[in-house]
């Protein structure tokens, strides 16, 4: 009877896992939909701000060549964005592999997130990395400002992060959050070159630089959050399907155990009747 009791307890546990996985999957579906809507809503804004900043940079290059030349002398940084927690399948590993693939393209290397640190511990490059940790997977405004402060020291700060394609497919991509227009790159569009900037153009450029970097980091974290949530959605769906299969298997095991117990009881009853007949 203890086998039957144990199997019933396992059935209850599996049913709880199935229910929890289903709830988490439904929450992930809702979050993916909301994040996709937020991203679609803001993508035009991101593009317009980036284009405007690029125009200001071109003006700075034309009028203040010393500033742009000084910025070009700064080193290049590679930055990898990973999570502090697991449950995201191979997403963190794919970003870190991509980060290592581009290792030689930068002088400095910064890894954000505990999963990235754990990954680098298994490589020869661990001691050559700087590590930054957010309190949660989604940074606060102060934590974003910390990343911006780091980025100001570089001519390029190339962020490696996962980009959402479909719920079943995310790919690691890069984005330069410092992007500096080259001298002679593009032309000033519209009437921007006819404006008098107050305060001076370099100060406007610094202001735009900080604000655009903040917006770009927000965009990166939104895409990263969307990719992570989609990965978790797939894993929770898989966990629920596995729980259904395990539940069916345990039900069969319970049925077999009960049947065996009934067979034993029947055999014992028949044996007892036969012994009574012999005694008579």
C-alpha atoms as a PDB file:
ATOM      1  CA  UNK A   1       0.000   0.000   0.000  1.00  0.00           C
ATOM      2  CA  UNK A   2       2.992   2.334   0.590  1.00  0.00           C
ATOM      3  CA  UNK A   3       3.831   2.236  -3.174  1.00  0.00           C
ATOM      4  CA  UNK A   4       0.286   3.340  -4.018  1.00  0.00           C
ATOM      5  CA  UNK A   5       0.430   6.126  -1.437  1.00  0.00           C
ATOM      6  CA  UNK A   6       3.801   7.325  -2.751  1.00  0.00           C
ATOM      7  CA  UNK A   7       2.541   7.305  -6.358  1.00  0.00           C
ATOM      8  CA  UNK A   8      -0.534   9.327  -5.364  1.00  0.00           C
ATOM      9  CA  UNK A   9       1.691  11.908  -3.641  1.00  0.00           C
ATOM     10  CA  UNK A  10       3.853  12.129  -6.765  1.00  0.00           C
ATOM     11  CA  UNK A  11       0.709  12.624  -8.862  1.00  0.00           C
ATOM     12  CA  UNK A  12      -0.341  15.545  -6.668  1.00  0.00           C
ATOM     13  CA  UNK A  13       3.134  17.102  -6.946  1.00  0.00           C
ATOM     14  CA  UNK A  14       3.163  16.731 -10.752  1.00  0.00           C
ATOM     15  CA  UNK A  15      -0.312  18.247 -10.969  1.00  0.00           C
ATOM     16  CA  UNK A  16       0.902  21.238  -8.935  1.00  0.00           C
ATOM     17  CA  UNK A  17       3.902  21.645 -11.270  1.00  0.00           C
ATOM     18  CA  UNK A  18       1.588  21.477 -14.296  1.00  0.00           C
ATOM     19  CA  UNK A  19      -0.709  24.123 -12.838  1.00  0.00           C
ATOM     20  CA  UNK A  20       2.183  26.426 -11.858  1.00  0.00           C
ATOM     21  CA  UNK A  21       3.847  26.032 -15.268  1.00  0.00           C
ATOM     22  CA  UNK A  22       0.554  26.871 -16.980  1.00  0.00           C
ATOM     23  CA  UNK A  23       0.097  30.002 -14.876  1.00  0.00           C
ATOM     24  CA  UNK A  24       3.677  31.159 -15.531  1.00  0.00           C
ATOM     25  CA  UNK A  25       3.254  30.446 -19.254  1.00  0.00           C
ATOM     26  CA  UNK A  26       0.066  32.541 -19.372  1.00  0.00           C
ATOM     27  CA  UNK A  27       1.819  35.382 -17.526  1.00  0.00           C
ATOM     28  CA  UNK A  28       4.732  35.173 -19.970  1.00  0.00           C
ATOM     29  CA  UNK A  29       2.334  35.300 -22.950  1.00  0.00           C
ATOM     30  CA  UNK A  30       0.688  38.431 -21.552  1.00  0.00           C
ATOM     31  CA  UNK A  31       4.063  40.058 -20.831  1.00  0.00           C
ATOM     32  CA  UNK A  32       5.426  39.263 -24.322  1.00  0.00           C
ATOM     33  CA  UNK A  33       2.376  40.877 -25.897  1.00  0.00           C
ATOM     34  CA  UNK A  34       2.719  43.985 -23.726  1.00  0.00           C
ATOM     35  CA  UNK A  35       6.471  44.310 -24.341  1.00  0.00           C
ATOM     36  CA  UNK A  36       6.002  43.926 -28.094  1.00  0.00           C
ATOM     37  CA  UNK A  37       3.380  46.665 -28.067  1.00  0.00           C
ATOM     38  CA  UNK A  38       5.677  48.938 -26.038  1.00  0.00           C
ATOM     39  CA  UNK A  39       8.552  48.318 -28.416  1.00  0.00           C
ATOM     40  CA  UNK A  40       6.484  48.937 -31.553  1.00  0.00           C
ATOM     41  CA  UNK A  41       5.095  52.092 -29.970  1.00  0.00           C
ATOM     42  CA  UNK A  42       8.568  53.484 -29.232  1.00  0.00           C
ATOM     43  CA  UNK A  43      10.606  52.303 -32.215  1.00  0.00           C
ATOM     44  CA  UNK A  44       9.837  55.401 -34.320  1.00  0.00           C
ATOM     45  CA  UNK A  45      10.743  57.629 -31.378  1.00  0.00           C
ATOM     46  CA  UNK A  46      14.078  55.804 -30.965  1.00  0.00           C
ATOM     47  CA  UNK A  47      14.843  56.263 -34.658  1.00  0.00           C
ATOM     48  CA  UNK A  48      13.908  59.961 -34.730  1.00  0.00           C
ATOM     49  CA  UNK A  49      16.015  60.790 -31.667  1.00  0.00           C
ATOM     50  CA  UNK A  50      18.975  58.818 -33.025  1.00  0.00           C
ATOM     51  CA  UNK A  51      18.726  60.600 -36.394  1.00  0.00           C
ATOM     52  CA  UNK A  52      18.535  64.011 -34.718  1.00  0.00           C
ATOM     53  CA  UNK A  53      21.568  63.207 -32.561  1.00  0.00           C
ATOM     54  CA  UNK A  54      23.445  62.080 -35.652  1.00  0.00           C
ATOM     55  CA  UNK A  55      22.730  65.471 -37.260  1.00  0.00           C
ATOM     56  CA  UNK A  56      24.071  67.279 -34.181  1.00  0.00           C
ATOM     57  CA  UNK A  57      27.195  65.109 -34.309  1.00  0.00           C
ATOM     58  CA  UNK A  58      27.774  65.986 -37.962  1.00  0.00           C
ATOM     59  CA  UNK A  59      27.537  69.689 -37.076  1.00  0.00           C
ATOM     60  CA  UNK A  60      30.047  69.209 -34.239  1.00  0.00           C
ATOM     61  CA  UNK A  61      32.419  67.416 -36.624  1.00  0.00           C
ATOM     62  CA  UNK A  62      32.147  70.262 -39.126  1.00  0.00           C
ATOM     63  CA  UNK A  63      32.529  73.139 -36.675  1.00  0.00           C
ATOM     64  CA  UNK A  64      34.610  71.617 -33.847  1.00  0.00           C
ATOM     65  CA  UNK A  65      36.995  69.122 -35.427  1.00  0.00           C
ATOM     66  CA  UNK A  66      39.141  69.128 -32.273  1.00  0.00           C
ATOM     67  CA  UNK A  67      36.317  67.597 -30.229  1.00  0.00           C
ATOM     68  CA  UNK A  68      35.680  64.778 -32.690  1.00  0.00           C
ATOM     69  CA  UNK A  69      39.411  64.077 -33.068  1.00  0.00           C
ATOM     70  CA  UNK A  70      39.805  63.848 -29.289  1.00  0.00           C
ATOM     71  CA  UNK A  71      36.875  61.435 -29.029  1.00  0.00           C
ATOM     72  CA  UNK A  72      38.353  59.183 -31.714  1.00  0.00           C
ATOM     73  CA  UNK A  73      41.482  58.685 -29.609  1.00  0.00           C
ATOM     74  CA  UNK A  74      39.440  57.036 -26.864  1.00  0.00           C
ATOM     75  CA  UNK A  75      39.437  53.222 -26.651  1.00  0.00           C
ATOM     76  CA  UNK A  76      36.617  50.928 -27.777  1.00  0.00           C
ATOM     77  CA  UNK A  77      34.589  48.876 -25.268  1.00  0.00           C
ATOM     78  CA  UNK A  78      32.630  45.687 -25.752  1.00  0.00           C
ATOM     79  CA  UNK A  79      29.707  45.298 -23.318  1.00  0.00           C
ATOM     80  CA  UNK A  80      27.682  42.106 -22.789  1.00  0.00           C
ATOM     81  CA  UNK A  81      24.211  42.167 -21.210  1.00  0.00           C
ATOM     82  CA  UNK A  82      23.221  39.007 -19.301  1.00  0.00           C
ATOM     83  CA  UNK A  83      20.749  38.219 -16.532  1.00  0.00           C
ATOM     84  CA  UNK A  84      21.279  37.754 -12.813  1.00  0.00           C
ATOM     85  CA  UNK A  85      19.091  34.642 -12.856  1.00  0.00           C
ATOM     86  CA  UNK A  86      18.743  31.402 -14.793  1.00  0.00           C
ATOM     87  CA  UNK A  87      15.533  30.082 -16.472  1.00  0.00           C
ATOM     88  CA  UNK A  88      16.434  31.627 -19.836  1.00  0.00           C
ATOM     89  CA  UNK A  89      17.739  28.545 -21.616  1.00  0.00           C
ATOM     90  CA  UNK A  90      20.878  29.189 -23.657  1.00  0.00           C
ATOM     91  CA  UNK A  91      20.117  32.901 -24.136  1.00  0.00           C
ATOM     92  CA  UNK A  92      22.909  34.156 -21.862  1.00  0.00           C
ATOM     93  CA  UNK A  93      25.412  31.670 -23.291  1.00  0.00           C
ATOM     94  CA  UNK A  94      24.664  32.748 -26.867  1.00  0.00           C
ATOM     95  CA  UNK A  95      25.223  36.418 -25.982  1.00  0.00           C
ATOM     96  CA  UNK A  96      28.509  35.594 -24.232  1.00  0.00           C
ATOM     97  CA  UNK A  97      29.759  33.460 -27.136  1.00  0.00           C
ATOM     98  CA  UNK A  98      29.022  36.368 -29.470  1.00  0.00           C
ATOM     99  CA  UNK A  99      30.809  38.697 -27.033  1.00  0.00           C
ATOM    100  CA  UNK A 100      33.923  36.480 -27.082  1.00  0.00           C
ATOM    101  CA  UNK A 101      33.771  36.240 -30.874  1.00  0.00           C
ATOM    102  CA  UNK A 102      34.138  40.046 -31.013  1.00  0.00           C
ATOM    103  CA  UNK A 103      36.725  40.173 -28.215  1.00  0.00           C
ATOM    104  CA  UNK A 104      39.600  41.398 -30.398  1.00  0.00           C
ATOM    105  CA  UNK A 105      37.579  44.368 -31.709  1.00  0.00           C
ATOM    106  CA  UNK A 106      37.827  46.275 -28.402  1.00  0.00           C
ATOM    107  CA  UNK A 107      40.427  47.286 -25.834  1.00  0.00           C
ATOM    108  CA  UNK A 108      38.103  47.093 -22.796  1.00  0.00           C
ATOM    109  CA  UNK A 109      35.488  44.482 -21.952  1.00  0.00           C
ATOM    110  CA  UNK A 110      32.529  44.932 -19.605  1.00  0.00           C
ATOM    111  CA  UNK A 111      30.074  42.206 -18.580  1.00  0.00           C
ATOM    112  CA  UNK A 112      26.710  43.059 -17.034  1.00  0.00           C
ATOM    113  CA  UNK A 113      24.942  40.371 -14.966  1.00  0.00           C
ATOM    114  CA  UNK A 114      25.873  37.424 -12.743  1.00  0.00           C
ATOM    115  CA  UNK A 115      25.289  34.819 -15.472  1.00  0.00           C
ATOM    116  CA  UNK A 116      27.879  36.566 -17.613  1.00  0.00           C
ATOM    117  CA  UNK A 117      30.378  36.516 -14.747  1.00  0.00           C
ATOM    118  CA  UNK A 118      29.786  32.784 -14.218  1.00  0.00           C
ATOM    119  CA  UNK A 119      30.338  32.181 -17.942  1.00  0.00           C
ATOM    120  CA  UNK A 120      33.608  34.166 -17.960  1.00  0.00           C
ATOM    121  CA  UNK A 121      34.949  32.254 -14.959  1.00  0.00           C
ATOM    122  CA  UNK A 122      35.333  29.256 -17.276  1.00  0.00           C
ATOM    123  CA  UNK A 123      37.440  31.244 -19.760  1.00  0.00           C
ATOM    124  CA  UNK A 124      40.966  32.641 -19.849  1.00  0.00           C
ATOM    125  CA  UNK A 125      39.613  36.196 -20.150  1.00  0.00           C
ATOM    126  CA  UNK A 126      37.992  36.514 -16.713  1.00  0.00           C
ATOM    127  CA  UNK A 127      40.699  38.742 -15.208  1.00  0.00           C
ATOM    128  CA  UNK A 128      40.560  41.102 -18.192  1.00  0.00           C
ATOM    129  CA  UNK A 129      36.859  41.913 -17.716  1.00  0.00           C
ATOM    130  CA  UNK A 130      35.068  44.542 -15.679  1.00  0.00           C
ATOM    131  CA  UNK A 131      31.796  43.379 -14.138  1.00  0.00           C
ATOM    132  CA  UNK A 132      28.668  45.416 -13.455  1.00  0.00           C
ATOM    133  CA  UNK A 133      25.701  44.057 -11.511  1.00  0.00           C
ATOM    134  CA  UNK A 134      22.172  45.442 -11.441  1.00  0.00           C
ATOM    135  CA  UNK A 135      19.942  44.866  -8.425  1.00  0.00           C
ATOM    136  CA  UNK A 136      17.461  43.153 -10.758  1.00  0.00           C
ATOM    137  CA  UNK A 137      17.512  42.067 -14.392  1.00  0.00           C
ATOM    138  CA  UNK A 138      15.860  45.374 -15.337  1.00  0.00           C
ATOM    139  CA  UNK A 139      18.052  48.300 -14.208  1.00  0.00           C
ATOM    140  CA  UNK A 140      16.937  51.354 -12.278  1.00  0.00           C
ATOM    141  CA  UNK A 141      17.562  54.872 -13.614  1.00  0.00           C
ATOM    142  CA  UNK A 142      20.603  55.211 -11.369  1.00  0.00           C
ATOM    143  CA  UNK A 143      22.032  51.923 -12.690  1.00  0.00           C
ATOM    144  CA  UNK A 144      21.513  53.100 -16.288  1.00  0.00           C
ATOM    145  CA  UNK A 145      23.361  56.316 -15.426  1.00  0.00           C
ATOM    146  CA  UNK A 146      26.227  54.183 -14.134  1.00  0.00           C
ATOM    147  CA  UNK A 147      26.517  52.458 -17.520  1.00  0.00           C
ATOM    148  CA  UNK A 148      26.356  55.840 -19.303  1.00  0.00           C
ATOM    149  CA  UNK A 149      29.202  57.132 -17.128  1.00  0.00           C
ATOM    150  CA  UNK A 150      31.292  54.123 -18.137  1.00  0.00           C
ATOM    151  CA  UNK A 151      30.447  54.617 -21.823  1.00  0.00           C
ATOM    152  CA  UNK A 152      31.630  58.260 -21.824  1.00  0.00           C
ATOM    153  CA  UNK A 153      35.231  57.053 -21.608  1.00  0.00           C
ATOM    154  CA  UNK A 154      35.040  55.343 -25.001  1.00  0.00           C
ATOM    155  CA  UNK A 155      34.839  56.270 -28.665  1.00  0.00           C
ATOM    156  CA  UNK A 156      32.551  53.252 -29.122  1.00  0.00           C
ATOM    157  CA  UNK A 157      30.635  51.222 -26.543  1.00  0.00           C
ATOM    158  CA  UNK A 158      29.334  48.182 -28.413  1.00  0.00           C
ATOM    159  CA  UNK A 159      26.595  46.462 -26.429  1.00  0.00           C
ATOM    160  CA  UNK A 160      25.916  42.752 -27.065  1.00  0.00           C
ATOM    161  CA  UNK A 161      22.371  41.683 -26.218  1.00  0.00           C
ATOM    162  CA  UNK A 162      19.626  39.264 -27.356  1.00  0.00           C
ATOM    163  CA  UNK A 163      17.182  40.519 -29.976  1.00  0.00           C
ATOM    164  CA  UNK A 164      13.647  39.142 -30.214  1.00  0.00           C
ATOM    165  CA  UNK A 165      12.700  37.607 -33.565  1.00  0.00           C
ATOM    166  CA  UNK A 166       9.893  35.183 -32.677  1.00  0.00           C
ATOM    167  CA  UNK A 167       8.857  33.480 -29.416  1.00  0.00           C
ATOM    168  CA  UNK A 168      11.046  30.548 -30.521  1.00  0.00           C
ATOM    169  CA  UNK A 169      13.972  32.472 -31.949  1.00  0.00           C
ATOM    170  CA  UNK A 170      16.205  35.163 -30.445  1.00  0.00           C
ATOM    171  CA  UNK A 171      19.608  36.168 -31.790  1.00  0.00           C
ATOM    172  CA  UNK A 172      22.537  38.065 -30.241  1.00  0.00           C
ATOM    173  CA  UNK A 173      23.126  41.472 -31.857  1.00  0.00           C
ATOM    174  CA  UNK A 174      25.185  44.591 -31.161  1.00  0.00           C
ATOM    175  CA  UNK A 175      24.450  48.298 -30.824  1.00  0.00           C
ATOM    176  CA  UNK A 176      26.920  51.121 -30.301  1.00  0.00           C
ATOM    177  CA  UNK A 177      25.476  53.447 -27.651  1.00  0.00           C
ATOM    178  CA  UNK A 178      28.186  56.079 -28.173  1.00  0.00           C
ATOM    179  CA  UNK A 179      28.007  56.122 -31.982  1.00  0.00           C
ATOM    180  CA  UNK A 180      30.064  59.050 -33.229  1.00  0.00           C
ATOM    181  CA  UNK A 181      29.522  60.223 -36.797  1.00  0.00           C
ATOM    182  CA  UNK A 182      32.713  60.270 -38.826  1.00  0.00           C
ATOM    183  CA  UNK A 183      33.949  63.531 -40.331  1.00  0.00           C
ATOM    184  CA  UNK A 184      32.252  63.919 -43.679  1.00  0.00           C
ATOM    185  CA  UNK A 185      29.708  61.194 -42.885  1.00  0.00           C
ATOM    186  CA  UNK A 186      26.349  62.320 -44.217  1.00  0.00           C
ATOM    187  CA  UNK A 187      25.041  65.828 -44.559  1.00  0.00           C
ATOM    188  CA  UNK A 188      23.005  68.045 -42.283  1.00  0.00           C
ATOM    189  CA  UNK A 189      19.402  67.694 -43.343  1.00  0.00           C
ATOM    190  CA  UNK A 190      16.643  70.290 -43.301  1.00  0.00           C
ATOM    191  CA  UNK A 191      17.301  73.635 -41.653  1.00  0.00           C
ATOM    192  CA  UNK A 192      19.282  72.353 -38.671  1.00  0.00           C
ATOM    193  CA  UNK A 193      22.489  74.101 -39.804  1.00  0.00           C
ATOM    194  CA  UNK A 194      20.637  77.431 -39.794  1.00  0.00           C
ATOM    195  CA  UNK A 195      19.863  77.304 -36.067  1.00  0.00           C
ATOM    196  CA  UNK A 196      21.877  79.174 -33.453  1.00  0.00           C
ATOM    197  CA  UNK A 197      22.436  76.782 -30.545  1.00  0.00           C
ATOM    198  CA  UNK A 198      22.207  78.192 -27.051  1.00  0.00           C
ATOM    199  CA  UNK A 199      24.172  77.141 -25.047  1.00  0.00           C
ATOM    200  CA  UNK A 200      27.080  76.383 -27.375  1.00  0.00           C
ATOM    201  CA  UNK A 201      26.894  73.419 -29.738  1.00  0.00           C
ATOM    202  CA  UNK A 202      29.417  71.275 -27.777  1.00  0.00           C
ATOM    203  CA  UNK A 203      27.233  71.582 -24.656  1.00  0.00           C
ATOM    204  CA  UNK A 204      24.151  70.682 -26.702  1.00  0.00           C
ATOM    205  CA  UNK A 205      26.083  67.705 -28.036  1.00  0.00           C
ATOM    206  CA  UNK A 206      26.972  66.543 -24.497  1.00  0.00           C
ATOM    207  CA  UNK A 207      23.337  66.878 -23.434  1.00  0.00           C
ATOM    208  CA  UNK A 208      22.100  64.937 -26.469  1.00  0.00           C
ATOM    209  CA  UNK A 209      24.797  62.329 -25.975  1.00  0.00           C
ATOM    210  CA  UNK A 210      23.655  61.549 -22.425  1.00  0.00           C
ATOM    211  CA  UNK A 211      19.957  61.565 -23.305  1.00  0.00           C
ATOM    212  CA  UNK A 212      20.380  59.433 -26.434  1.00  0.00           C
ATOM    213  CA  UNK A 213      22.547  56.928 -24.572  1.00  0.00           C
ATOM    214  CA  UNK A 214      19.872  56.666 -21.906  1.00  0.00           C
ATOM    215  CA  UNK A 215      17.194  56.069 -24.567  1.00  0.00           C
ATOM    216  CA  UNK A 216      19.355  53.510 -26.392  1.00  0.00           C
ATOM    217  CA  UNK A 217      20.035  51.599 -23.178  1.00  0.00           C
ATOM    218  CA  UNK A 218      16.309  51.609 -22.439  1.00  0.00           C
ATOM    219  CA  UNK A 219      15.697  50.203 -25.908  1.00  0.00           C
ATOM    220  CA  UNK A 220      18.348  47.506 -25.383  1.00  0.00           C
ATOM    221  CA  UNK A 221      16.871  46.496 -22.032  1.00  0.00           C
ATOM    222  CA  UNK A 222      13.349  46.425 -23.498  1.00  0.00           C
ATOM    223  CA  UNK A 223      14.487  44.122 -26.311  1.00  0.00           C
ATOM    224  CA  UNK A 224      16.445  42.010 -23.821  1.00  0.00           C
ATOM    225  CA  UNK A 225      13.436  41.737 -21.517  1.00  0.00           C
ATOM    226  CA  UNK A 226      11.268  40.732 -24.480  1.00  0.00           C
ATOM    227  CA  UNK A 227      13.772  38.040 -25.523  1.00  0.00           C
ATOM    228  CA  UNK A 228      14.068  36.693 -21.976  1.00  0.00           C
ATOM    229  CA  UNK A 229      10.311  36.596 -21.492  1.00  0.00           C
ATOM    230  CA  UNK A 230       9.838  34.790 -24.825  1.00  0.00           C
ATOM    231  CA  UNK A 231      12.487  32.241 -23.822  1.00  0.00           C
ATOM    232  CA  UNK A 232      10.788  31.715 -20.467  1.00  0.00           C
ATOM    233  CA  UNK A 233       7.444  31.321 -22.259  1.00  0.00           C
ATOM    234  CA  UNK A 234       8.845  28.474 -24.373  1.00  0.00           C
ATOM    235  CA  UNK A 235      10.438  26.821 -21.322  1.00  0.00           C
ATOM    236  CA  UNK A 236       7.241  27.062 -19.271  1.00  0.00           C
ATOM    237  CA  UNK A 237       5.245  25.621 -22.160  1.00  0.00           C
ATOM    238  CA  UNK A 238       7.738  22.767 -22.370  1.00  0.00           C
ATOM    239  CA  UNK A 239       7.571  22.246 -18.604  1.00  0.00           C
ATOM    240  CA  UNK A 240       3.765  22.047 -18.730  1.00  0.00           C
ATOM    241  CA  UNK A 241       3.880  19.517 -21.586  1.00  0.00           C
ATOM    242  CA  UNK A 242       6.446  17.444 -19.669  1.00  0.00           C
ATOM    243  CA  UNK A 243       4.244  17.565 -16.572  1.00  0.00           C
ATOM    244  CA  UNK A 244       1.267  16.311 -18.635  1.00  0.00           C
ATOM    245  CA  UNK A 245       3.347  13.376 -19.908  1.00  0.00           C
ATOM    246  CA  UNK A 246       4.647  12.586 -16.416  1.00  0.00           C
ATOM    247  CA  UNK A 247       1.123  12.796 -15.015  1.00  0.00           C
ATOM    248  CA  UNK A 248      -0.164  10.293 -17.595  1.00  0.00           C
ATOM    249  CA  UNK A 249       2.758   7.965 -16.873  1.00  0.00           C
ATOM    250  CA  UNK A 250       2.224   8.131 -13.106  1.00  0.00           C
ATOM    251  CA  UNK A 251      -1.504   7.500 -13.585  1.00  0.00           C
ATOM    252  CA  UNK A 252      -0.653   4.309 -15.451  1.00  0.00           C
ATOM    253  CA  UNK A 253       1.795   3.343 -12.715  1.00  0.00           C
ATOM    254  CA  UNK A 254      -0.884   3.980 -10.073  1.00  0.00           C
ATOM    255  CA  UNK A 255      -3.399   1.895 -12.008  1.00  0.00           C
ATOM    256  CA  UNK A 256      -0.860  -0.946 -12.345  1.00  0.00           C
ATOM    257  CA  UNK A 257       0.018  -0.769  -8.617  1.00  0.00           C
ATOM    258  CA  UNK A 258      -3.647  -0.876  -7.604  1.00  0.00           C
ATOM    259  CA  UNK A 259      -4.278  -3.779  -9.989  1.00  0.00           C
ATOM    260  CA  UNK A 260      -1.310  -5.703  -8.586  1.00  0.00           C
ATOM    261  CA  UNK A 261      -2.549  -5.064  -5.063  1.00  0.00           C
ATOM    262  CA  UNK A 262      -6.015  -6.337  -5.979  1.00  0.00           C
ATOM    263  CA  UNK A 263      -4.498  -9.410  -7.623  1.00  0.00           C
ATOM    264  CA  UNK A 264      -2.469 -10.151  -4.489  1.00  0.00           C
ATOM    265  CA  UNK A 265      -5.535  -9.704  -2.281  1.00  0.00           C
ATOM    266  CA  UNK A 266      -7.591 -11.937  -4.577  1.00  0.00           C
ATOM    267  CA  UNK A 267      -4.846 -14.573  -4.606  1.00  0.00           C
ATOM    268  CA  UNK A 268      -4.606 -14.449  -0.802  1.00  0.00           C
ATOM    269  CA  UNK A 269      -8.397 -14.770  -0.502  1.00  0.00           C
ATOM    270  CA  UNK A 270      -8.509 -17.785  -2.848  1.00  0.00           C
ATOM    271  CA  UNK A 271      -5.570 -19.379  -1.029  1.00  0.00           C
ATOM    272  CA  UNK A 272      -7.370 -18.897   2.279  1.00  0.00           C
ATOM    273  CA  UNK A 273     -10.563 -20.523   0.929  1.00  0.00           C
ATOM    274  CA  UNK A 274      -8.566 -23.482  -0.421  1.00  0.00           C
ATOM    275  CA  UNK A 275      -6.833 -23.994   2.948  1.00  0.00           C
ATOM    276  CA  UNK A 276     -10.204 -23.924   4.729  1.00  0.00           C
ATOM    277  CA  UNK A 277     -11.553 -26.566   2.370  1.00  0.00           C
ATOM    278  CA  UNK A 278      -8.586 -28.839   3.081  1.00  0.00           C
ATOM    279  CA  UNK A 279      -9.082 -28.497   6.818  1.00  0.00           C
ATOM    280  CA  UNK A 280     -12.678 -29.604   6.466  1.00  0.00           C
END
